[in-house]
Amino acid sequence: MAKQLKITWTKSFIACPQTQRDTIKSLGLRKLHQSVIKDDCPEIRGQVNKVIHLVQVEEI
């Protein structure tokens, strides 16, 4: 079974650049404290690393 990541949006992006806002939206997060489960792949890891100060990540 492939590893998965549980990504939870924990901090607001009000003072963040537009690229980080777009990254949050592309991860599928729409509301604060919402969680999504994504497959662990280099593309998703790259997006998470870009907004790591706004999200919490758990390996499932």
C-alpha atoms as a PDB file:
ATOM      1  CA  MET A   1       0.000   0.000   0.000  1.00  0.00           C
ATOM      2  CA  ALA A   2       1.328   3.435  -0.907  1.00  0.00           C
ATOM      3  CA  LYS A   3       1.971   5.935   1.838  1.00  0.00           C
ATOM      4  CA  GLN A   4      -0.397   8.826   2.201  1.00  0.00           C
ATOM      5  CA  LEU A   5      -0.198  12.249   3.787  1.00  0.00           C
ATOM      6  CA  LYS A   6      -2.890  13.890   5.893  1.00  0.00           C
ATOM      7  CA  ILE A   7      -2.531  17.629   5.316  1.00  0.00           C
ATOM      8  CA  THR A   8      -4.370  19.988   7.684  1.00  0.00           C
ATOM      9  CA  TRP A   9      -4.559  23.734   7.052  1.00  0.00           C
ATOM     10  CA  THR A  10      -3.761  25.366  10.423  1.00  0.00           C
ATOM     11  CA  LYS A  11      -2.859  29.034   9.795  1.00  0.00           C
ATOM     12  CA  SER A  12      -4.429  31.758   7.692  1.00  0.00           C
ATOM     13  CA  PHE A  13      -2.717  32.909   4.500  1.00  0.00           C
ATOM     14  CA  ILE A  14      -3.838  36.553   4.731  1.00  0.00           C
ATOM     15  CA  ALA A  15      -0.299  38.023   4.717  1.00  0.00           C
ATOM     16  CA  CYS A  16       1.150  35.421   2.317  1.00  0.00           C
ATOM     17  CA  PRO A  17       2.051  35.873  -1.353  1.00  0.00           C
ATOM     18  CA  GLN A  18      -0.425  34.842  -4.037  1.00  0.00           C
ATOM     19  CA  THR A  19       1.688  31.805  -4.997  1.00  0.00           C
ATOM     20  CA  GLN A  20       1.266  30.339  -1.510  1.00  0.00           C
ATOM     21  CA  ARG A  21      -2.489  31.023  -1.604  1.00  0.00           C
ATOM     22  CA  ASP A  22      -2.689  29.193  -4.917  1.00  0.00           C
ATOM     23  CA  THR A  23      -0.711  26.273  -3.482  1.00  0.00           C
ATOM     24  CA  ILE A  24      -3.145  25.904  -0.566  1.00  0.00           C
ATOM     25  CA  LYS A  25      -6.054  25.879  -3.012  1.00  0.00           C
ATOM     26  CA  SER A  26      -4.346  23.393  -5.337  1.00  0.00           C
ATOM     27  CA  LEU A  27      -3.913  20.995  -2.412  1.00  0.00           C
ATOM     28  CA  GLY A  28      -7.716  20.969  -2.167  1.00  0.00           C
ATOM     29  CA  LEU A  29      -7.981  22.988   1.040  1.00  0.00           C
ATOM     30  CA  ARG A  30     -10.899  25.410   1.150  1.00  0.00           C
ATOM     31  CA  LYS A  31     -11.428  26.186   4.848  1.00  0.00           C
ATOM     32  CA  LEU A  32      -9.147  26.677   7.817  1.00  0.00           C
ATOM     33  CA  HIS A  33      -8.673  23.472   9.892  1.00  0.00           C
ATOM     34  CA  GLN A  34      -9.798  21.333   6.959  1.00  0.00           C
ATOM     35  CA  SER A  35      -7.868  18.130   6.249  1.00  0.00           C
ATOM     36  CA  VAL A  36      -7.219  16.306   2.992  1.00  0.00           C
ATOM     37  CA  ILE A  37      -5.510  12.994   2.315  1.00  0.00           C
ATOM     38  CA  LYS A  38      -3.084  12.884  -0.601  1.00  0.00           C
ATOM     39  CA  ASP A  39      -0.734  10.223  -1.946  1.00  0.00           C
ATOM     40  CA  ASP A  40       2.896  10.719  -0.939  1.00  0.00           C
ATOM     41  CA  CYS A  41       4.653  11.759  -4.148  1.00  0.00           C
ATOM     42  CA  PRO A  42       7.381  14.309  -4.958  1.00  0.00           C
ATOM     43  CA  GLU A  43       4.872  16.789  -6.412  1.00  0.00           C
ATOM     44  CA  ILE A  44       2.745  16.866  -3.267  1.00  0.00           C
ATOM     45  CA  ARG A  45       5.858  17.020  -1.040  1.00  0.00           C
ATOM     46  CA  GLY A  46       7.045  20.059  -3.011  1.00  0.00           C
ATOM     47  CA  GLN A  47       3.725  21.825  -2.558  1.00  0.00           C
ATOM     48  CA  VAL A  48       3.693  21.025   1.156  1.00  0.00           C
ATOM     49  CA  ASN A  49       7.249  22.308   1.598  1.00  0.00           C
ATOM     50  CA  LYS A  50       6.235  25.606   0.004  1.00  0.00           C
ATOM     51  CA  VAL A  51       3.497  26.173   2.614  1.00  0.00           C
ATOM     52  CA  ILE A  52       4.874  24.157   5.538  1.00  0.00           C
ATOM     53  CA  HIS A  53       4.416  27.166   7.869  1.00  0.00           C
ATOM     54  CA  LEU A  54       0.657  27.098   7.165  1.00  0.00           C
ATOM     55  CA  VAL A  55      -0.099  23.372   7.330  1.00  0.00           C
ATOM     56  CA  GLN A  56       0.406  20.348   9.555  1.00  0.00           C
ATOM     57  CA  VAL A  57       1.398  17.089   7.870  1.00  0.00           C
ATOM     58  CA  GLU A  58       0.988  13.533   9.178  1.00  0.00           C
ATOM     59  CA  GLU A  59       2.044  10.319   7.446  1.00  0.00           C
ATOM     60  CA  ILE A  60      -0.656   7.666   7.317  1.00  0.00           C
END
